[in-house]
Amino acid sequence: MSLTFDTRPAAYAVIIRDGGILLAYWKQGGREGWTLPGGGLDLAEHPVDGCRREIHEETGYHAEIGAMLGIDVGHWPAEIRLDGGERDFQSLRLVYDATITGGELRHEVGGSTTHAAWIPLAEVSRLNRVSLVDAGLRLYRERPLDGRLSSPSLTSPGSVG
């Protein structure tokens, strides 16, 4: 028996500079927390292009997308979906290493993130954050050859970002 579910591919970046990580604050449907800059891909959009676009939309920065660090998989049962969908939801989140090449930090207008900031790495563990932040940092540190963390991250219902 196969299950029917909705899937959304997305691309995100781990951007580390001067001991800090660039994060965006996600707020949607009564849930919120810090997340990696990035998001869902448009139809037929290459993940590298989508990652670059999302970084610019959410932070104001232009970025060079580097190596793919890995893939994080998120699952949300239908009853907790924020969009009211009737089927379970799976997110395939491609995570890339990236560097800033230009632009200026600014807030997103009209999107699912409210602002972006450079957060000292030592403070990340104290933040209200989505599971993708921890998965992205682990992928950045461990750089698994197959792009999969040894023990998959546990995705909490609030971590859609």
C-alpha atoms as a PDB file:
ATOM      1  CA  MET A   1       0.000   0.000   0.000  1.00  0.00           C
ATOM      2  CA  SER A   2       1.411   3.403  -0.920  1.00  0.00           C
ATOM      3  CA  LEU A   3       0.480   6.561   0.900  1.00  0.00           C
ATOM      4  CA  THR A   4      -0.490   9.735  -0.882  1.00  0.00           C
ATOM      5  CA  PHE A   5       1.175  12.898   0.341  1.00  0.00           C
ATOM      6  CA  ASP A   6       2.269  16.300  -0.898  1.00  0.00           C
ATOM      7  CA  THR A   7       5.950  17.072  -1.446  1.00  0.00           C
ATOM      8  CA  ARG A   8       7.656  20.436  -1.642  1.00  0.00           C
ATOM      9  CA  PRO A   9      11.297  20.786  -2.697  1.00  0.00           C
ATOM     10  CA  ALA A  10      13.147  23.667  -1.082  1.00  0.00           C
ATOM     11  CA  ALA A  11      16.706  25.004  -0.977  1.00  0.00           C
ATOM     12  CA  TYR A  12      18.435  26.632   2.000  1.00  0.00           C
ATOM     13  CA  ALA A  13      21.881  27.991   2.783  1.00  0.00           C
ATOM     14  CA  VAL A  14      24.275  27.797   5.679  1.00  0.00           C
ATOM     15  CA  ILE A  15      26.139  31.112   5.580  1.00  0.00           C
ATOM     16  CA  ILE A  16      28.817  31.524   8.234  1.00  0.00           C
ATOM     17  CA  ARG A  17      31.027  34.589   8.540  1.00  0.00           C
ATOM     18  CA  ASP A  18      33.164  36.003  11.354  1.00  0.00           C
ATOM     19  CA  GLY A  19      31.850  33.532  13.938  1.00  0.00           C
ATOM     20  CA  GLY A  20      28.198  34.159  13.095  1.00  0.00           C
ATOM     21  CA  ILE A  21      25.489  32.519  11.014  1.00  0.00           C
ATOM     22  CA  LEU A  22      22.961  34.357   8.874  1.00  0.00           C
ATOM     23  CA  LEU A  23      19.424  33.403   9.929  1.00  0.00           C
ATOM     24  CA  ALA A  24      15.965  34.597   8.960  1.00  0.00           C
ATOM     25  CA  TYR A  25      13.046  34.848  11.394  1.00  0.00           C
ATOM     26  CA  TRP A  26      10.100  32.804  10.118  1.00  0.00           C
ATOM     27  CA  LYS A  27       6.532  33.558  11.242  1.00  0.00           C
ATOM     28  CA  GLN A  28       3.475  31.812   9.843  1.00  0.00           C
ATOM     29  CA  GLY A  29       0.167  30.455  11.131  1.00  0.00           C
ATOM     30  CA  GLY A  30       0.906  31.256  14.761  1.00  0.00           C
ATOM     31  CA  ARG A  31       4.279  29.525  14.656  1.00  0.00           C
ATOM     32  CA  GLU A  32       7.651  31.210  14.528  1.00  0.00           C
ATOM     33  CA  GLY A  33      11.381  30.754  14.957  1.00  0.00           C
ATOM     34  CA  TRP A  34      14.772  31.327  13.387  1.00  0.00           C
ATOM     35  CA  THR A  35      15.511  29.393  10.218  1.00  0.00           C
ATOM     36  CA  LEU A  36      18.129  29.184   7.501  1.00  0.00           C
ATOM     37  CA  PRO A  37      17.621  31.602   4.615  1.00  0.00           C
ATOM     38  CA  GLY A  38      15.921  29.784   1.778  1.00  0.00           C
ATOM     39  CA  GLY A  39      12.599  28.293   0.882  1.00  0.00           C
ATOM     40  CA  GLY A  40      10.379  26.552  -1.613  1.00  0.00           C
ATOM     41  CA  LEU A  41      11.337  26.253  -5.238  1.00  0.00           C
ATOM     42  CA  ASP A  42       9.234  27.671  -8.035  1.00  0.00           C
ATOM     43  CA  LEU A  43       8.051  25.301 -10.766  1.00  0.00           C
ATOM     44  CA  ALA A  44      11.021  24.137 -12.897  1.00  0.00           C
ATOM     45  CA  GLU A  45      13.453  26.283 -10.881  1.00  0.00           C
ATOM     46  CA  HIS A  46      16.887  24.766 -10.265  1.00  0.00           C
ATOM     47  CA  PRO A  47      17.654  24.484  -6.527  1.00  0.00           C
ATOM     48  CA  VAL A  48      20.821  26.621  -6.842  1.00  0.00           C
ATOM     49  CA  ASP A  49      18.840  29.412  -8.501  1.00  0.00           C
ATOM     50  CA  GLY A  50      16.043  29.090  -5.950  1.00  0.00           C
ATOM     51  CA  CYS A  51      18.473  29.207  -3.056  1.00  0.00           C
ATOM     52  CA  ARG A  52      20.118  32.339  -4.450  1.00  0.00           C
ATOM     53  CA  ARG A  53      16.705  33.969  -5.029  1.00  0.00           C
ATOM     54  CA  GLU A  54      15.430  33.127  -1.554  1.00  0.00           C
ATOM     55  CA  ILE A  55      18.582  34.426   0.152  1.00  0.00           C
ATOM     56  CA  HIS A  56      18.166  37.745  -1.643  1.00  0.00           C
ATOM     57  CA  GLU A  57      14.419  37.963  -0.926  1.00  0.00           C
ATOM     58  CA  GLU A  58      14.822  37.215   2.779  1.00  0.00           C
ATOM     59  CA  THR A  59      18.064  39.029   3.591  1.00  0.00           C
ATOM     60  CA  GLY A  60      18.914  41.544   0.847  1.00  0.00           C
ATOM     61  CA  TYR A  61      22.234  39.811   0.204  1.00  0.00           C
ATOM     62  CA  HIS A  62      23.544  38.364  -3.037  1.00  0.00           C
ATOM     63  CA  ALA A  63      25.217  35.000  -2.518  1.00  0.00           C
ATOM     64  CA  GLU A  64      27.403  32.484  -4.254  1.00  0.00           C
ATOM     65  CA  ILE A  65      26.062  28.989  -3.732  1.00  0.00           C
ATOM     66  CA  GLY A  66      28.768  26.451  -2.976  1.00  0.00           C
ATOM     67  CA  ALA A  67      28.736  22.727  -2.315  1.00  0.00           C
ATOM     68  CA  MET A  68      25.566  20.899  -1.451  1.00  0.00           C
ATOM     69  CA  LEU A  69      25.926  19.890   2.192  1.00  0.00           C
ATOM     70  CA  GLY A  70      23.046  17.442   2.210  1.00  0.00           C
ATOM     71  CA  ILE A  71      19.298  16.952   2.348  1.00  0.00           C
ATOM     72  CA  ASP A  72      17.008  17.266   5.347  1.00  0.00           C
ATOM     73  CA  VAL A  73      13.575  15.654   5.145  1.00  0.00           C
ATOM     74  CA  GLY A  74      10.644  17.076   7.061  1.00  0.00           C
ATOM     75  CA  HIS A  75       7.265  15.408   7.603  1.00  0.00           C
ATOM     76  CA  TRP A  76       4.072  16.960   8.919  1.00  0.00           C
ATOM     77  CA  PRO A  77       0.798  15.036   9.317  1.00  0.00           C
ATOM     78  CA  ALA A  78      -2.204  16.548   7.550  1.00  0.00           C
ATOM     79  CA  GLU A  79      -3.846  17.623  10.818  1.00  0.00           C
ATOM     80  CA  ILE A  80      -1.055  20.105  11.652  1.00  0.00           C
ATOM     81  CA  ARG A  81      -0.409  21.540   8.192  1.00  0.00           C
ATOM     82  CA  LEU A  82      -0.439  25.324   8.131  1.00  0.00           C
ATOM     83  CA  ASP A  83      -1.941  25.545   4.637  1.00  0.00           C
ATOM     84  CA  GLY A  84      -5.012  23.432   5.408  1.00  0.00           C
ATOM     85  CA  GLY A  85      -3.944  20.624   3.082  1.00  0.00           C
ATOM     86  CA  GLU A  86      -5.725  17.316   3.552  1.00  0.00           C
ATOM     87  CA  ARG A  87      -2.738  15.015   3.008  1.00  0.00           C
ATOM     88  CA  ASP A  88       0.501  14.538   4.908  1.00  0.00           C
ATOM     89  CA  PHE A  89       3.250  16.921   3.836  1.00  0.00           C
ATOM     90  CA  GLN A  90       6.901  16.146   3.119  1.00  0.00           C
ATOM     91  CA  SER A  91       9.566  18.768   2.575  1.00  0.00           C
ATOM     92  CA  LEU A  92      12.811  17.867   0.809  1.00  0.00           C
ATOM     93  CA  ARG A  93      15.198  20.576   1.974  1.00  0.00           C
ATOM     94  CA  LEU A  94      18.420  20.781  -0.001  1.00  0.00           C
ATOM     95  CA  VAL A  95      21.066  22.503   2.112  1.00  0.00           C
ATOM     96  CA  TYR A  96      23.986  24.355   0.522  1.00  0.00           C
ATOM     97  CA  ASP A  97      27.108  26.084   1.751  1.00  0.00           C
ATOM     98  CA  ALA A  98      27.035  29.715   0.595  1.00  0.00           C
ATOM     99  CA  THR A  99      28.971  32.962   0.866  1.00  0.00           C
ATOM    100  CA  ILE A 100      27.818  36.553   0.649  1.00  0.00           C
ATOM    101  CA  THR A 101      29.045  38.394  -2.461  1.00  0.00           C
ATOM    102  CA  GLY A 102      27.197  41.712  -2.143  1.00  0.00           C
ATOM    103  CA  GLY A 103      24.058  43.537  -1.130  1.00  0.00           C
ATOM    104  CA  GLU A 104      23.023  44.910   2.234  1.00  0.00           C
ATOM    105  CA  LEU A 105      21.128  43.301   5.089  1.00  0.00           C
ATOM    106  CA  ARG A 106      17.456  44.254   4.999  1.00  0.00           C
ATOM    107  CA  HIS A 107      14.110  42.813   6.066  1.00  0.00           C
ATOM    108  CA  GLU A 108      11.799  40.863   3.765  1.00  0.00           C
ATOM    109  CA  VAL A 109       8.503  42.543   2.924  1.00  0.00           C
ATOM    110  CA  GLY A 110       5.385  40.445   2.352  1.00  0.00           C
ATOM    111  CA  GLY A 111       7.030  37.053   2.841  1.00  0.00           C
ATOM    112  CA  SER A 112       7.051  34.365   5.502  1.00  0.00           C
ATOM    113  CA  THR A 113      10.118  35.842   7.238  1.00  0.00           C
ATOM    114  CA  THR A 114      10.062  39.123   9.137  1.00  0.00           C
ATOM    115  CA  HIS A 115      13.765  39.918   9.434  1.00  0.00           C
ATOM    116  CA  ALA A 116      17.254  38.476   9.133  1.00  0.00           C
ATOM    117  CA  ALA A 117      20.310  38.812  11.349  1.00  0.00           C
ATOM    118  CA  TRP A 118      23.836  37.595  11.920  1.00  0.00           C
ATOM    119  CA  ILE A 119      23.707  35.465  15.069  1.00  0.00           C
ATOM    120  CA  PRO A 120      26.893  34.476  16.924  1.00  0.00           C
ATOM    121  CA  LEU A 121      27.298  30.692  16.619  1.00  0.00           C
ATOM    122  CA  ALA A 122      27.651  30.411  20.400  1.00  0.00           C
ATOM    123  CA  GLU A 123      24.108  31.829  20.829  1.00  0.00           C
ATOM    124  CA  VAL A 124      22.265  29.587  18.344  1.00  0.00           C
ATOM    125  CA  SER A 125      21.479  26.867  20.891  1.00  0.00           C
ATOM    126  CA  ARG A 126      19.537  29.399  23.010  1.00  0.00           C
ATOM    127  CA  LEU A 127      17.333  30.608  20.134  1.00  0.00           C
ATOM    128  CA  ASN A 128      13.767  29.649  19.324  1.00  0.00           C
ATOM    129  CA  ARG A 129      14.658  27.911  16.060  1.00  0.00           C
ATOM    130  CA  VAL A 130      13.288  25.377  13.617  1.00  0.00           C
ATOM    131  CA  SER A 131      14.955  21.954  13.379  1.00  0.00           C
ATOM    132  CA  LEU A 132      16.461  22.884  10.004  1.00  0.00           C
ATOM    133  CA  VAL A 133      18.956  25.205  11.715  1.00  0.00           C
ATOM    134  CA  ASP A 134      20.422  22.331  13.735  1.00  0.00           C
ATOM    135  CA  ALA A 135      20.378  19.980  10.742  1.00  0.00           C
ATOM    136  CA  GLY A 136      22.097  22.602   8.571  1.00  0.00           C
ATOM    137  CA  LEU A 137      24.818  23.236  11.152  1.00  0.00           C
ATOM    138  CA  ARG A 138      25.416  19.502  11.526  1.00  0.00           C
ATOM    139  CA  LEU A 139      25.657  19.091   7.755  1.00  0.00           C
ATOM    140  CA  TYR A 140      28.088  22.022   7.640  1.00  0.00           C
ATOM    141  CA  ARG A 141      30.304  20.497  10.354  1.00  0.00           C
ATOM    142  CA  GLU A 142      30.073  16.815   9.380  1.00  0.00           C
ATOM    143  CA  ARG A 143      29.865  17.099   5.571  1.00  0.00           C
ATOM    144  CA  PRO A 144      28.648  13.525   5.064  1.00  0.00           C
ATOM    145  CA  LEU A 145      29.651  12.143   1.681  1.00  0.00           C
ATOM    146  CA  ASP A 146      26.136  10.904   0.949  1.00  0.00           C
ATOM    147  CA  GLY A 147      24.496  14.132   2.196  1.00  0.00           C
ATOM    148  CA  ARG A 148      22.599  12.358   4.966  1.00  0.00           C
ATOM    149  CA  LEU A 149      23.062  12.887   8.681  1.00  0.00           C
ATOM    150  CA  SER A 150      23.892   9.691  10.564  1.00  0.00           C
ATOM    151  CA  SER A 151      20.709  10.015  12.606  1.00  0.00           C
ATOM    152  CA  PRO A 152      17.997  12.021  10.856  1.00  0.00           C
ATOM    153  CA  SER A 153      16.909  15.244  12.514  1.00  0.00           C
ATOM    154  CA  LEU A 154      13.588  15.098  14.270  1.00  0.00           C
ATOM    155  CA  THR A 155      11.238  17.622  12.762  1.00  0.00           C
ATOM    156  CA  SER A 156       8.887  19.295  15.179  1.00  0.00           C
ATOM    157  CA  PRO A 157       5.441  20.475  14.075  1.00  0.00           C
ATOM    158  CA  GLY A 158       6.538  24.117  14.297  1.00  0.00           C
ATOM    159  CA  SER A 159       9.507  23.696  12.036  1.00  0.00           C
ATOM    160  CA  VAL A 160       8.049  24.257   8.604  1.00  0.00           C
ATOM    161  CA  GLY A 161      10.345  27.141   7.645  1.00  0.00           C
END
